[in-house]
Protein backbone atom coordinates (compact mmCIF):
# COMPACT_ATOMS: atom_id res chain seq x y z
CA MET A 1 -6.24 -15.77 -32.24
CA ASN A 2 -5.84 -17.17 -28.72
CA THR A 3 -6.49 -13.72 -27.27
CA VAL A 4 -9.72 -13.42 -29.24
CA ARG A 5 -10.82 -16.90 -28.13
CA VAL A 6 -10.08 -16.11 -24.47
CA PHE A 7 -12.02 -12.87 -24.84
CA HIS A 8 -15.05 -14.67 -26.27
CA GLY A 9 -14.79 -17.27 -23.50
CA SER A 10 -14.75 -14.57 -20.83
CA ILE A 11 -17.83 -12.94 -22.36
CA LEU A 12 -19.67 -16.30 -22.40
CA PHE A 13 -18.80 -16.91 -18.76
CA LEU A 14 -20.05 -13.46 -17.78
CA ARG A 15 -23.28 -13.98 -19.70
CA LEU A 16 -23.88 -17.36 -18.06
CA LEU A 17 -23.21 -15.91 -14.60
CA LEU A 18 -25.45 -12.87 -15.01
CA PHE A 19 -28.12 -14.86 -16.83
CA SER A 20 -28.38 -17.48 -14.08
CA ALA A 21 -28.50 -14.90 -11.31
CA LEU A 22 -31.21 -12.93 -13.13
CA LEU A 23 -33.26 -16.07 -13.75
CA ILE A 24 -33.25 -16.99 -10.07
CA SER A 25 -34.17 -13.44 -9.07
CA CYS A 26 -37.03 -13.20 -11.57
CA ALA A 27 -38.53 -16.56 -10.65
CA ALA A 28 -38.38 -15.81 -6.94
CA LYS A 29 -40.58 -12.75 -7.51
CA ALA A 30 -43.20 -14.67 -9.48
CA GLN A 31 -46.54 -14.63 -7.64
CA SER A 32 -48.89 -16.35 -10.08
CA PRO A 33 -48.90 -17.75 -13.63
CA ALA A 34 -49.90 -15.48 -16.50
CA SER A 35 -51.96 -16.49 -19.50
CA GLU A 36 -50.35 -17.07 -22.87
CA THR A 37 -50.55 -14.36 -25.50
CA ALA A 38 -50.48 -14.36 -29.27
CA ALA A 39 -47.11 -12.60 -29.18
CA ARG A 40 -45.44 -15.48 -27.31
CA PRO A 41 -41.90 -16.04 -28.73
CA ALA A 42 -41.27 -19.54 -30.15
CA ILE A 43 -38.06 -19.86 -28.09
CA LEU A 44 -40.23 -20.20 -24.95
CA GLY A 45 -41.79 -23.46 -26.14
CA SER A 46 -45.22 -24.72 -25.09
CA LEU A 47 -46.81 -26.48 -22.11
CA GLU A 48 -49.79 -28.81 -22.46
CA ASN A 49 -51.01 -31.36 -19.91
CA GLY A 50 -47.66 -31.31 -18.13
CA LYS A 51 -45.59 -31.79 -21.29
CA TYR A 52 -43.17 -28.95 -21.95
CA SER A 53 -41.98 -28.95 -25.57
CA ASN A 54 -39.30 -26.75 -27.10
CA PRO A 55 -38.69 -27.67 -30.77
CA ILE A 56 -36.50 -24.60 -31.30
CA ILE A 57 -33.87 -25.87 -28.84
CA GLY A 58 -34.71 -29.54 -29.30
CA PHE A 59 -36.07 -31.10 -26.10
CA GLU A 60 -39.24 -32.11 -24.30
CA LEU A 61 -39.81 -32.38 -20.56
CA GLN A 62 -42.59 -34.43 -18.98
CA LEU A 63 -43.86 -32.82 -15.79
CA ASP A 64 -46.99 -32.95 -13.64
CA PRO A 65 -50.23 -32.22 -15.58
CA ALA A 66 -50.98 -29.38 -13.16
CA CYS A 67 -47.79 -27.46 -14.03
CA THR A 68 -48.16 -23.89 -15.26
CA PHE A 69 -45.93 -21.12 -16.55
CA ALA A 70 -44.77 -18.83 -13.74
CA ASP A 71 -44.55 -15.09 -14.48
CA ASP A 72 -44.96 -15.70 -18.19
CA ALA A 73 -45.17 -11.97 -18.97
CA ARG A 74 -41.62 -11.51 -17.69
CA ALA A 75 -40.38 -14.47 -19.76
CA ILE A 76 -42.01 -13.04 -22.90
CA ALA A 77 -40.46 -9.62 -22.28
CA TRP A 78 -37.02 -11.19 -21.76
CA SER A 79 -37.24 -13.23 -24.97
CA ALA A 80 -38.43 -10.22 -26.93
CA GLN A 81 -35.20 -8.49 -25.92
CA PHE A 82 -32.91 -11.55 -26.21
CA SER A 83 -34.47 -13.65 -28.96
CA GLN A 84 -31.87 -16.45 -28.90
CA ARG A 85 -32.04 -17.06 -25.16
CA LEU A 86 -34.46 -19.00 -23.00
CA SER A 87 -35.36 -17.84 -19.49
CA LEU A 88 -38.46 -19.57 -18.20
CA ALA A 89 -40.01 -20.75 -14.92
CA LEU A 90 -42.54 -23.57 -14.52
CA ARG A 91 -44.52 -23.97 -11.29
CA CYS A 92 -45.50 -27.55 -10.40
CA GLY A 93 -47.18 -27.50 -7.00
CA ASP A 94 -44.44 -27.01 -4.41
CA ASN A 95 -41.71 -27.40 -7.06
CA LEU A 96 -40.25 -24.76 -9.36
CA PHE A 97 -38.36 -25.59 -12.55
CA LEU A 98 -36.13 -22.87 -13.99
CA LEU A 99 -35.16 -23.44 -17.61
CA SER A 100 -32.42 -21.48 -19.33
CA SER A 101 -30.48 -21.75 -22.57
CA LEU A 102 -28.18 -19.68 -24.73
CA PRO A 103 -26.09 -20.38 -27.84
CA VAL A 104 -22.35 -20.97 -27.73
CA HIS A 105 -20.28 -18.74 -30.03
CA ALA A 106 -19.30 -20.35 -33.33
CA ASP A 107 -15.56 -19.97 -32.58
CA GLU A 108 -15.88 -21.20 -28.99
CA LYS A 109 -14.89 -24.77 -28.12
CA ILE A 110 -17.69 -26.64 -26.33
CA ASN A 111 -16.79 -27.48 -22.74
CA LEU A 112 -19.83 -28.54 -20.73
CA LYS A 113 -18.19 -28.74 -17.32
CA ARG A 114 -16.51 -25.34 -17.67
CA ASP A 115 -19.73 -23.58 -18.68
CA ALA A 116 -21.80 -25.50 -16.14
CA GLN A 117 -19.48 -24.52 -13.29
CA VAL A 118 -19.76 -20.82 -14.09
CA SER A 119 -23.54 -20.94 -14.58
CA LEU A 120 -23.96 -22.99 -11.39
CA GLN A 121 -22.09 -20.37 -9.40
CA GLY A 122 -24.52 -17.75 -10.68
CA ALA A 123 -27.46 -19.92 -9.59
CA MET A 124 -25.93 -20.41 -6.15
CA ASP A 125 -25.22 -16.71 -5.68
CA GLY A 126 -28.65 -15.66 -6.96
CA GLY A 127 -30.64 -18.29 -5.05
CA GLY A 128 -28.64 -18.58 -1.83
CA PHE A 129 -27.78 -22.24 -2.42
CA LYS A 130 -24.86 -24.31 -1.17
CA LYS A 131 -23.45 -27.37 -2.91
CA HIS A 132 -24.01 -30.83 -1.51
CA GLY A 133 -21.38 -33.20 -2.88
CA GLY A 134 -19.97 -32.88 -6.38
CA TRP A 135 -21.10 -33.23 -9.97
CA GLN A 136 -22.91 -36.44 -10.91
CA ASN A 137 -22.83 -37.69 -14.50
CA GLN A 138 -25.89 -38.97 -16.36
CA THR A 139 -26.47 -39.91 -19.98
CA VAL A 140 -29.72 -39.13 -21.79
CA SER A 141 -30.09 -40.33 -25.39
CA GLY A 142 -26.31 -40.41 -25.69
CA THR A 143 -25.94 -36.87 -24.33
CA GLU A 144 -23.92 -36.12 -21.20
CA VAL A 145 -25.85 -34.44 -18.37
CA LEU A 146 -24.15 -33.00 -15.28
CA VAL A 147 -26.22 -32.85 -12.08
CA GLN A 148 -25.31 -30.93 -8.92
CA GLU A 149 -27.34 -31.21 -5.71
CA LEU A 150 -27.92 -27.94 -3.83
CA SER A 151 -29.59 -26.91 -0.58
CA ARG A 152 -30.77 -23.77 1.17
CA HIS A 153 -32.98 -22.73 4.06
CA GLY A 154 -36.15 -21.14 2.69
CA ASP A 155 -39.18 -19.50 4.31
CA SER A 156 -40.92 -22.87 4.59
CA GLY A 157 -37.88 -24.78 5.82
CA GLN A 158 -35.12 -26.74 4.14
CA GLU A 159 -35.22 -26.67 0.33
CA LEU A 160 -33.29 -28.68 -2.20
CA GLY A 161 -32.18 -27.78 -5.68
CA PHE A 162 -30.86 -29.98 -8.46
CA TYR A 163 -28.98 -28.16 -11.20
CA HIS A 164 -28.96 -30.10 -14.50
CA ALA A 165 -26.61 -28.99 -17.30
CA LEU A 166 -26.30 -30.31 -20.84
CA MET A 167 -25.43 -29.31 -24.39
CA ILE A 168 -27.96 -29.66 -27.20
CA GLY A 169 -26.09 -28.99 -30.39
CA ARG A 170 -24.27 -25.72 -29.78
CA ARG A 171 -26.65 -24.56 -27.07
CA TYR A 172 -26.01 -24.66 -23.34
CA VAL A 173 -29.16 -25.77 -21.48
CA SER A 174 -29.77 -25.83 -17.74
CA ILE A 175 -32.72 -26.98 -15.66
CA LEU A 176 -32.77 -26.00 -12.00
CA ALA A 177 -35.39 -27.95 -10.04
CA ILE A 178 -36.23 -26.43 -6.64
CA GLY A 179 -38.58 -27.74 -3.97
CA PRO A 180 -39.02 -29.02 -0.42
CA GLU A 181 -36.73 -31.73 0.91
CA ALA A 182 -39.60 -34.22 0.82
CA ASN A 183 -39.62 -33.99 -3.01
CA LYS A 184 -35.96 -34.97 -3.42
CA THR A 185 -36.58 -37.94 -5.73
CA GLU A 186 -38.79 -35.96 -8.12
CA LEU A 187 -36.39 -33.01 -8.21
CA SER A 188 -33.30 -35.12 -8.82
CA GLN A 189 -34.86 -36.89 -11.81
CA ALA A 190 -35.81 -33.83 -13.86
CA THR A 191 -33.59 -34.98 -16.74
CA ALA A 192 -33.91 -38.73 -16.22
CA LYS A 193 -35.68 -40.96 -18.72
CA PRO A 194 -38.54 -40.86 -19.50
CA ARG A 195 -38.93 -37.30 -18.17
CA ILE A 196 -36.71 -35.61 -20.74
CA LYS A 197 -36.55 -36.36 -24.45
CA LEU A 198 -34.02 -34.82 -26.82
CA THR A 199 -35.58 -34.08 -30.20
CA GLN A 200 -32.51 -32.85 -32.09
């Protein structure tokens, strides 16, 4: 039984690592937002006047009204292949928000910090980030949120990233906010009240 549980845990870690690296890579190649289509999977949620809503996973995110989906066609294709997973990028001016989520196996014990550490490493490897300090703990609607500050040197100069990790039910959810150093306050508060609302 322990061997089976360790096996499932290893598979989850590998999925988180590969998933995060792929998400960073896909978003980095996005050139412009694509229009929504009738075949849009429900797992991708909706965006209206800066309010991103995902009733399937159970959260809402209040962003700038000018935010748009980035490379939506790629997100739709991904979700068509992996219907239980979220891989989505939102462009908000100079900032980019990368949203990801996947279910935890029914026989797997929930451990936010363990899963967040593995997924964070994938984001760092895929996006060329380095950690600044350690994990910071927040609480949103009674739910624990881990936040890790990141930095990298991009084409336009120094960029910051804030990796937010939380569990909603038995789903691991991450929000990676990336932007110029001047936008540090906005990036660091991606999951702060009243910006994020848990609906489940």
